[in-house]
N, C-alpha and C. Protein backbone atom coordinates (compact mmCIF):
# COMPACT_ATOMS: atom_id res chain seq x y z
N ALA A 1 163.29 134.26 96.88
CA ALA A 1 162.81 133.79 95.20
C ALA A 1 163.06 132.71 94.49
N THR A 2 164.39 132.23 95.06
CA THR A 2 165.13 131.54 94.22
C THR A 2 164.97 129.85 95.01
N ALA A 3 164.15 129.70 96.18
CA ALA A 3 164.03 128.84 97.14
C ALA A 3 162.60 128.75 97.46
N LEU A 4 161.62 128.96 96.98
CA LEU A 4 159.98 129.20 97.70
C LEU A 4 159.82 127.62 98.77
N PRO A 5 159.28 128.22 99.88
CA PRO A 5 158.96 127.40 100.79
C PRO A 5 157.70 126.56 100.21
N PHE A 6 157.26 126.30 99.35
CA PHE A 6 156.13 125.35 98.65
C PHE A 6 156.02 124.38 97.68
N ARG A 7 155.30 123.25 97.84
CA ARG A 7 155.62 122.08 97.51
C ARG A 7 155.29 122.29 95.97
N ALA A 8 155.87 121.51 94.95
CA ALA A 8 155.30 121.91 93.48
C ALA A 8 153.97 121.73 93.23
N GLY A 9 153.89 122.42 91.66
CA GLY A 9 152.49 122.51 91.67
C GLY A 9 151.66 123.23 92.84
N SER A 10 151.77 123.73 93.61
CA SER A 10 151.15 124.28 94.44
C SER A 10 149.90 125.37 94.33
N PHE A 11 149.92 126.25 93.12
CA PHE A 11 149.42 127.49 92.68
C PHE A 11 148.76 127.40 91.34
N ASP A 12 148.07 128.19 91.63
CA ASP A 12 147.48 128.44 90.05
C ASP A 12 147.83 129.70 89.45
N ALA A 13 148.24 130.57 90.33
CA ALA A 13 148.77 132.11 90.09
C ALA A 13 149.64 132.51 90.63
N ALA A 14 150.47 133.49 90.64
CA ALA A 14 151.50 133.98 90.64
C ALA A 14 151.98 134.83 90.57
N PHE A 15 152.53 136.39 91.03
CA PHE A 15 152.55 137.74 90.45
C PHE A 15 153.81 138.26 91.37
N SER A 16 154.88 138.97 90.29
CA SER A 16 155.61 139.87 90.69
C SER A 16 156.12 141.19 90.42
N SER A 17 155.08 142.36 91.29
CA SER A 17 155.18 143.45 90.55
C SER A 17 156.45 144.30 91.15
N TYR A 18 157.26 144.38 90.55
CA TYR A 18 158.32 145.43 90.86
C TYR A 18 159.49 144.25 92.26
N GLY A 19 159.08 143.33 92.18
CA GLY A 19 159.37 142.38 92.82
C GLY A 19 160.96 141.73 92.82
N ALA A 20 161.12 140.65 93.21
CA ALA A 20 162.44 140.03 93.18
C ALA A 20 162.82 140.45 91.86
N ILE A 21 163.06 140.47 91.11
CA ILE A 21 163.08 140.02 89.95
C ILE A 21 164.38 140.70 89.63
N GLN A 22 164.43 141.79 89.34
CA GLN A 22 165.35 142.87 88.82
C GLN A 22 166.60 142.71 90.06
N PHE A 23 166.78 142.13 91.51
CA PHE A 23 167.39 142.10 92.24
C PHE A 23 168.00 140.74 92.40
N VAL A 24 167.84 139.54 91.90
CA VAL A 24 168.54 138.61 91.63
C VAL A 24 169.15 138.12 90.55
N ALA A 25 170.34 137.60 90.92
CA ALA A 25 171.55 137.57 89.71
C ALA A 25 171.13 136.64 88.91
N ASP A 26 170.55 135.23 88.75
CA ASP A 26 170.26 134.17 88.55
C ASP A 26 168.41 134.25 88.33
N LEU A 27 168.53 134.55 87.12
CA LEU A 27 166.91 134.70 86.42
C LEU A 27 166.19 133.57 86.29
N GLY A 28 167.11 132.69 85.98
CA GLY A 28 166.91 131.46 85.31
C GLY A 28 166.29 130.67 86.41
N LEU A 29 167.39 130.75 87.39
CA LEU A 29 166.81 129.88 88.98
C LEU A 29 165.38 130.25 89.66
N LEU A 30 165.56 131.82 89.47
CA LEU A 30 164.27 132.40 89.97
C LEU A 30 163.33 131.82 89.16
N LEU A 31 162.89 132.01 87.92
CA LEU A 31 161.75 131.53 87.03
C LEU A 31 161.62 130.04 87.51
N ALA A 32 162.74 128.94 87.11
CA ALA A 32 162.67 127.87 87.56
C ALA A 32 162.00 127.65 88.95
N GLU A 33 162.17 128.46 89.67
CA GLU A 33 161.53 128.05 90.93
C GLU A 33 160.03 128.27 90.53
N VAL A 34 159.98 129.47 90.01
CA VAL A 34 157.87 129.74 89.61
C VAL A 34 157.40 128.60 89.36
N ARG A 35 158.17 128.43 88.13
CA ARG A 35 157.47 127.45 87.25
C ARG A 35 157.19 125.86 88.34
N ARG A 36 157.92 125.43 89.38
CA ARG A 36 157.97 124.76 89.75
C ARG A 36 156.44 124.59 90.65
N VAL A 37 156.75 125.87 91.26
CA VAL A 37 155.16 126.16 92.28
C VAL A 37 154.25 126.13 91.67
N LEU A 38 154.20 126.61 90.23
CA LEU A 38 152.93 126.74 89.37
C LEU A 38 151.98 125.52 89.35
N ARG A 39 150.85 125.25 88.85
CA ARG A 39 150.70 124.02 88.01
C ARG A 39 150.48 123.96 86.99
N PRO A 40 150.44 123.01 86.11
CA PRO A 40 150.55 123.12 84.39
C PRO A 40 149.21 124.35 83.99
N GLY A 41 149.41 125.42 83.56
CA GLY A 41 148.32 125.88 83.08
C GLY A 41 148.72 127.48 84.01
N GLY A 42 148.86 127.15 85.19
CA GLY A 42 148.57 128.43 86.17
C GLY A 42 149.41 129.84 85.18
N ARG A 43 148.90 130.89 86.12
CA ARG A 43 149.24 131.92 85.64
C ARG A 43 150.65 132.40 86.46
N TRP A 44 151.55 133.68 85.65
CA TRP A 44 152.43 133.94 86.12
C TRP A 44 152.62 135.34 85.51
N VAL A 45 152.33 136.49 86.46
CA VAL A 45 152.63 137.85 85.72
C VAL A 45 153.24 138.61 86.46
N LEU A 46 154.71 138.96 85.73
CA LEU A 46 155.31 140.02 86.23
C LEU A 46 155.73 141.32 85.38
N SER A 47 156.16 142.40 86.16
CA SER A 47 156.47 143.83 85.81
C SER A 47 157.56 143.97 86.54
N VAL A 48 158.40 144.62 85.55
CA VAL A 48 159.55 145.27 86.04
C VAL A 48 159.87 146.82 85.52
N THR A 49 160.74 147.40 85.51
CA THR A 49 161.34 148.43 85.28
C THR A 49 161.64 148.19 84.09
N HIS A 50 161.10 149.14 82.38
CA HIS A 50 161.21 148.71 81.55
C HIS A 50 162.76 148.75 80.75
N PRO A 51 163.60 147.51 80.15
CA PRO A 51 164.49 147.33 80.37
C PRO A 51 165.29 148.72 79.48
N VAL A 52 164.50 149.40 78.58
CA VAL A 52 165.26 150.83 78.01
C VAL A 52 165.74 151.74 78.90
N ARG A 53 164.97 151.77 79.98
CA ARG A 53 165.42 152.57 80.92
C ARG A 53 167.11 152.60 81.06
N TRP A 54 167.57 151.48 80.69
CA TRP A 54 169.03 150.85 81.36
C TRP A 54 169.93 151.95 80.12
N ALA A 55 169.01 152.65 79.06
CA ALA A 55 170.17 153.19 78.40
C ALA A 55 170.23 154.87 78.47
N LEU A 56 169.29 155.12 79.46
CA LEU A 56 169.13 156.53 79.10
C LEU A 56 169.53 156.91 80.53
N PRO A 57 169.75 158.23 81.09
CA PRO A 57 169.97 158.93 82.22
C PRO A 57 168.81 159.52 83.14
N ASP A 58 168.95 158.82 84.23
CA ASP A 58 167.80 159.03 85.39
C ASP A 58 167.32 160.38 85.21
N ASP A 59 166.82 161.32 84.11
CA ASP A 59 166.49 162.70 84.42
C ASP A 59 164.74 162.56 83.82
N PRO A 60 163.83 163.29 84.52
CA PRO A 60 162.75 163.76 83.72
C PRO A 60 162.85 164.52 82.75
N GLY A 61 163.84 165.27 82.44
CA GLY A 61 163.69 166.37 81.23
C GLY A 61 163.93 166.03 80.16
N THR A 62 164.84 166.84 79.33
CA THR A 62 165.11 166.24 77.83
C THR A 62 166.30 165.66 77.96
N SER A 63 167.32 165.76 78.49
CA SER A 63 168.28 164.87 78.39
C SER A 63 168.08 163.54 78.84
N GLY A 64 166.64 163.35 79.41
CA GLY A 64 166.53 162.12 80.15
C GLY A 64 165.86 161.39 78.62
N LEU A 65 165.63 162.01 77.66
CA LEU A 65 165.20 161.22 76.23
C LEU A 65 166.45 161.21 74.98
N THR A 66 167.70 160.90 75.79
CA THR A 66 168.67 160.71 74.95
C THR A 66 169.68 159.82 75.43
N VAL A 67 169.77 158.78 74.69
CA VAL A 67 170.55 157.78 74.61
C VAL A 67 171.70 157.94 75.53
N SER A 68 172.42 157.19 76.80
CA SER A 68 173.40 157.97 76.99
C SER A 68 174.39 156.21 77.84
N GLY A 69 173.79 155.17 77.49
CA GLY A 69 174.40 154.15 77.26
C GLY A 69 174.12 152.86 76.38
N SER A 70 174.36 151.87 76.41
CA SER A 70 173.98 151.00 75.91
C SER A 70 173.30 149.95 76.04
N TYR A 71 171.91 149.27 75.59
CA TYR A 71 170.72 149.05 76.24
C TYR A 71 171.51 147.50 76.32
N PHE A 72 172.41 146.68 75.59
CA PHE A 72 172.75 145.17 75.72
C PHE A 72 174.08 145.18 76.73
N ASP A 73 173.88 146.73 77.54
CA ASP A 73 175.31 146.71 78.65
C ASP A 73 174.44 145.95 79.74
N ARG A 74 175.19 144.50 80.12
CA ARG A 74 174.16 143.50 81.36
C ARG A 74 175.10 143.98 82.51
N THR A 75 175.74 145.02 82.23
CA THR A 75 176.56 145.20 83.72
C THR A 75 176.06 145.79 85.08
N PRO A 76 175.83 144.83 85.91
CA PRO A 76 174.36 145.25 86.87
C PRO A 76 174.56 146.62 87.97
N TYR A 77 173.70 147.23 88.59
CA TYR A 77 173.92 148.59 89.20
C TYR A 77 174.28 148.17 90.47
N VAL A 78 175.12 148.53 91.01
CA VAL A 78 175.54 147.61 92.43
C VAL A 78 176.22 149.57 93.22
N GLU A 79 175.52 149.49 94.57
CA GLU A 79 175.73 150.32 95.43
C GLU A 79 176.50 149.27 96.55
N ARG A 80 178.03 150.44 97.10
CA ARG A 80 178.46 149.50 98.28
C ARG A 80 178.65 150.83 99.40
N ASP A 81 179.08 150.34 100.56
CA ASP A 81 179.04 151.08 101.49
C ASP A 81 180.59 151.07 101.41
N ASP A 82 181.06 152.27 102.86
CA ASP A 82 182.36 152.63 103.03
C ASP A 82 183.35 151.33 102.99
N ALA A 83 182.77 150.24 103.58
CA ALA A 83 183.68 149.39 103.63
C ALA A 83 183.77 148.15 102.16
N GLY A 84 183.33 148.82 100.86
CA GLY A 84 183.19 148.55 100.01
C GLY A 84 182.33 147.04 99.72
N THR A 85 181.45 146.89 101.06
CA THR A 85 180.05 145.75 100.52
C THR A 85 179.15 145.66 99.85
N ALA A 86 178.61 145.31 99.31
CA ALA A 86 177.39 145.66 97.97
C ALA A 86 176.04 145.57 98.94
N VAL A 87 175.89 146.99 98.61
CA VAL A 87 174.56 146.50 100.23
C VAL A 87 173.13 147.47 99.03
N TYR A 88 173.02 147.06 97.66
CA TYR A 88 172.32 147.25 96.90
C TYR A 88 172.82 146.38 95.64
N ALA A 89 171.62 145.74 94.47
CA ALA A 89 172.42 145.46 93.27
C ALA A 89 170.89 145.17 92.57
N GLU A 90 171.35 146.21 91.18
CA GLU A 90 170.19 145.92 90.16
C GLU A 90 170.75 145.04 88.87
N PHE A 91 169.91 144.25 88.71
CA PHE A 91 170.07 143.28 87.36
C PHE A 91 169.79 143.98 86.39
N HIS A 92 170.33 144.33 85.48
CA HIS A 92 169.64 144.51 83.74
C HIS A 92 169.26 143.41 83.02
N ARG A 93 168.49 143.38 82.01
CA ARG A 93 168.15 142.41 81.05
C ARG A 93 167.37 142.85 80.20
N THR A 94 167.60 142.59 79.09
CA THR A 94 166.82 143.01 77.79
C THR A 94 165.61 142.67 77.72
N VAL A 95 164.44 142.67 76.90
CA VAL A 95 163.09 142.20 76.65
C VAL A 95 164.01 141.05 76.21
N GLY A 96 164.54 140.82 75.42
CA GLY A 96 164.71 139.48 74.73
C GLY A 96 165.11 138.28 75.63
N ASP A 97 166.24 138.70 76.52
CA ASP A 97 166.68 137.92 77.82
C ASP A 97 165.47 137.61 78.64
N TYR A 98 164.38 138.61 78.98
CA TYR A 98 163.08 138.05 79.39
C TYR A 98 162.72 136.71 78.58
N VAL A 99 162.42 137.28 77.29
CA VAL A 99 161.68 135.94 76.87
C VAL A 99 162.56 134.86 76.62
N ALA A 100 163.64 135.20 76.34
CA ALA A 100 164.44 133.41 76.59
C ALA A 100 164.27 132.88 78.03
N ALA A 101 164.65 133.30 78.79
CA ALA A 101 164.73 133.27 80.54
C ALA A 101 163.21 132.16 80.48
N LEU A 102 162.15 132.98 80.04
CA LEU A 102 161.02 132.37 80.13
C LEU A 102 160.61 131.19 79.85
N SER A 103 160.49 131.36 78.36
CA SER A 103 160.53 129.88 77.66
C SER A 103 161.63 128.91 78.22
N ALA A 104 162.41 129.38 78.51
CA ALA A 104 163.62 128.01 79.02
C ALA A 104 162.98 127.18 80.33
N ALA A 105 162.23 128.15 81.06
CA ALA A 105 161.55 127.39 82.63
C ALA A 105 160.50 127.14 82.20
N GLY A 106 160.19 127.17 81.17
CA GLY A 106 158.95 126.45 80.83
C GLY A 106 157.69 127.56 81.27
N LEU A 107 157.66 128.62 80.99
CA LEU A 107 156.83 129.25 81.01
C LEU A 107 156.61 130.13 79.52
N SER A 108 155.49 129.71 79.21
CA SER A 108 154.78 130.57 77.75
C SER A 108 154.25 131.75 77.77
N ILE A 109 154.49 132.80 77.05
CA ILE A 109 154.18 134.21 76.91
C ILE A 109 152.98 134.48 75.99
N THR A 110 152.21 135.19 77.52
CA THR A 110 150.75 135.31 76.51
C THR A 110 150.42 136.41 77.19
N GLU A 111 150.86 137.99 77.43
CA GLU A 111 151.01 138.70 77.23
C GLU A 111 151.87 139.92 77.13
N LEU A 112 152.22 141.19 76.77
CA LEU A 112 153.64 141.37 76.73
C LEU A 112 153.01 143.42 76.82
N ILE A 113 153.24 143.57 77.65
CA ILE A 113 152.67 144.91 77.82
C ILE A 113 153.41 145.96 78.35
N GLU A 114 153.71 147.05 77.21
CA GLU A 114 154.64 148.63 77.74
C GLU A 114 153.46 149.72 77.97
N PRO A 115 153.01 149.63 79.05
CA PRO A 115 151.70 150.88 79.27
C PRO A 115 152.12 152.19 79.18
N GLU A 116 151.46 152.75 78.45
CA GLU A 116 151.50 154.29 77.84
C GLU A 116 151.13 154.86 79.07
N TRP A 117 152.25 156.23 79.15
CA TRP A 117 151.42 157.45 79.95
C TRP A 117 150.69 158.02 80.26
N PRO A 118 149.41 158.03 80.99
CA PRO A 118 147.99 158.38 81.11
C PRO A 118 148.02 160.11 81.15
N ASP A 119 147.30 160.72 80.22
CA ASP A 119 146.88 162.19 80.06
C ASP A 119 147.33 162.71 81.27
N TRP A 120 146.06 162.20 82.03
CA TRP A 120 146.13 162.83 83.12
C TRP A 120 146.84 162.60 84.68
N ASN A 121 147.74 161.92 84.18
CA ASN A 121 149.15 161.68 85.53
C ASN A 121 150.33 163.12 84.90
N THR A 122 150.21 164.24 85.65
CA THR A 122 150.98 165.53 85.46
C THR A 122 152.06 165.48 86.42
N ALA A 123 152.43 163.82 87.11
CA ALA A 123 153.88 163.79 88.18
C ALA A 123 154.73 163.81 87.58
N THR A 124 155.53 163.89 88.18
CA THR A 124 157.03 163.71 88.34
C THR A 124 157.63 162.95 89.36
N TRP A 125 158.27 161.84 89.07
CA TRP A 125 158.76 160.51 89.71
C TRP A 125 160.13 160.34 89.57
N GLY A 126 160.52 160.17 90.15
CA GLY A 126 162.48 160.10 89.92
C GLY A 126 162.59 160.74 88.41
N GLY A 127 162.94 159.84 87.78
CA GLY A 127 163.51 159.98 86.41
C GLY A 127 162.27 160.16 85.33
N TRP A 128 161.16 159.84 85.78
CA TRP A 128 159.97 159.94 85.04
C TRP A 128 159.18 161.21 85.01
N SER A 129 158.14 161.23 84.10
CA SER A 129 158.11 162.49 83.97
C SER A 129 156.66 162.41 82.76
N PRO A 130 155.53 163.19 82.81
CA PRO A 130 154.90 163.22 81.49
C PRO A 130 155.70 163.34 80.61
N LEU A 131 156.85 164.69 79.84
CA LEU A 131 157.79 164.57 78.85
C LEU A 131 158.20 163.26 78.62
N ARG A 132 159.29 162.69 79.25
CA ARG A 132 159.81 161.16 79.36
C ARG A 132 158.84 159.99 78.82
N GLY A 133 157.16 159.82 79.73
CA GLY A 133 156.45 158.99 79.82
C GLY A 133 155.84 159.16 78.46
N THR A 134 155.58 160.36 77.42
CA THR A 134 155.12 160.10 76.53
C THR A 134 155.81 159.45 75.25
N HIS A 135 157.00 159.06 75.63
CA HIS A 135 157.97 159.11 74.26
C HIS A 135 158.59 157.48 74.48
N LEU A 136 158.40 156.98 75.80
CA LEU A 136 158.98 156.17 76.47
C LEU A 136 158.48 155.56 77.43
N PRO A 137 158.14 153.84 77.02
CA PRO A 137 157.50 152.99 78.16
C PRO A 137 158.74 153.14 79.43
N GLY A 138 158.06 153.27 80.51
CA GLY A 138 158.76 152.90 81.79
C GLY A 138 158.44 151.86 82.46
N THR A 139 157.44 150.44 82.18
CA THR A 139 157.21 149.57 82.53
C THR A 139 157.05 148.29 81.77
N LEU A 140 157.43 147.43 81.70
CA LEU A 140 157.10 146.07 80.96
C LEU A 140 156.19 145.33 82.29
N ILE A 141 155.36 144.91 81.54
CA ILE A 141 154.23 143.34 82.07
C ILE A 141 154.39 142.12 81.28
N ILE A 142 154.56 141.01 81.91
CA ILE A 142 154.96 140.12 81.05
C ILE A 142 153.54 138.74 81.98
N GLY A 143 152.12 138.64 80.70
CA GLY A 143 151.78 137.56 81.21
C GLY A 143 152.21 136.22 80.88
N CYS A 144 152.00 134.93 81.88
CA CYS A 144 152.87 133.82 80.85
C CYS A 144 151.57 132.66 81.35
N ARG A 145 151.86 131.74 81.05
CA ARG A 145 151.47 130.40 81.38
C ARG A 145 151.75 129.07 81.58
N ALA A 146 152.09 128.43 82.64
CA ALA A 146 153.11 127.19 82.76
C ALA A 146 152.63 126.37 81.54
N ASP A 147 153.85 125.72 81.22
CA ASP A 147 153.52 124.75 80.31
C ASP A 147 153.21 123.56 80.91
N ALA A 148 152.28 122.58 80.11
CA ALA A 148 152.51 121.36 80.49
C ALA A 148 153.92 120.56 81.29
N ARG A 149 154.01 119.97 81.80
CA ARG A 149 154.98 119.24 82.22
C ARG A 149 155.33 118.21 81.48
N SER A 150 156.59 117.99 81.12
CA SER A 150 156.90 116.73 80.34
C SER A 150 157.75 115.86 80.98
């Protein structure tokens, strides 16, 4: 994601749906690379787990509605194997971090969407449930346009 094998200006549109974004430490480098491969005016849409999730326990019940950490704590979540080697890492950013990084990369936000939990969805998945979903967004979707190059 930080070194795409395409020439500059190759695409009119690109997207990432819960893809590499949360798993890459250098968000600025990733977004600069996305901007590089987009034509001016090209569309970039991304979805990530909503950043508010990091301040809450991973619980679909009432305790999942109680803040247990700081929304502003950007310490990555890292899992290690028995030898201490990192085998999984996820990086937290605030909504403001995403806005600033997108702008710095030359991507102008056109939409910012926080989907509401649909009434018909009665399923529980991980820390999400109808109870939690009616109070908090689980997903953040951001639509952008690539700025003209200077």
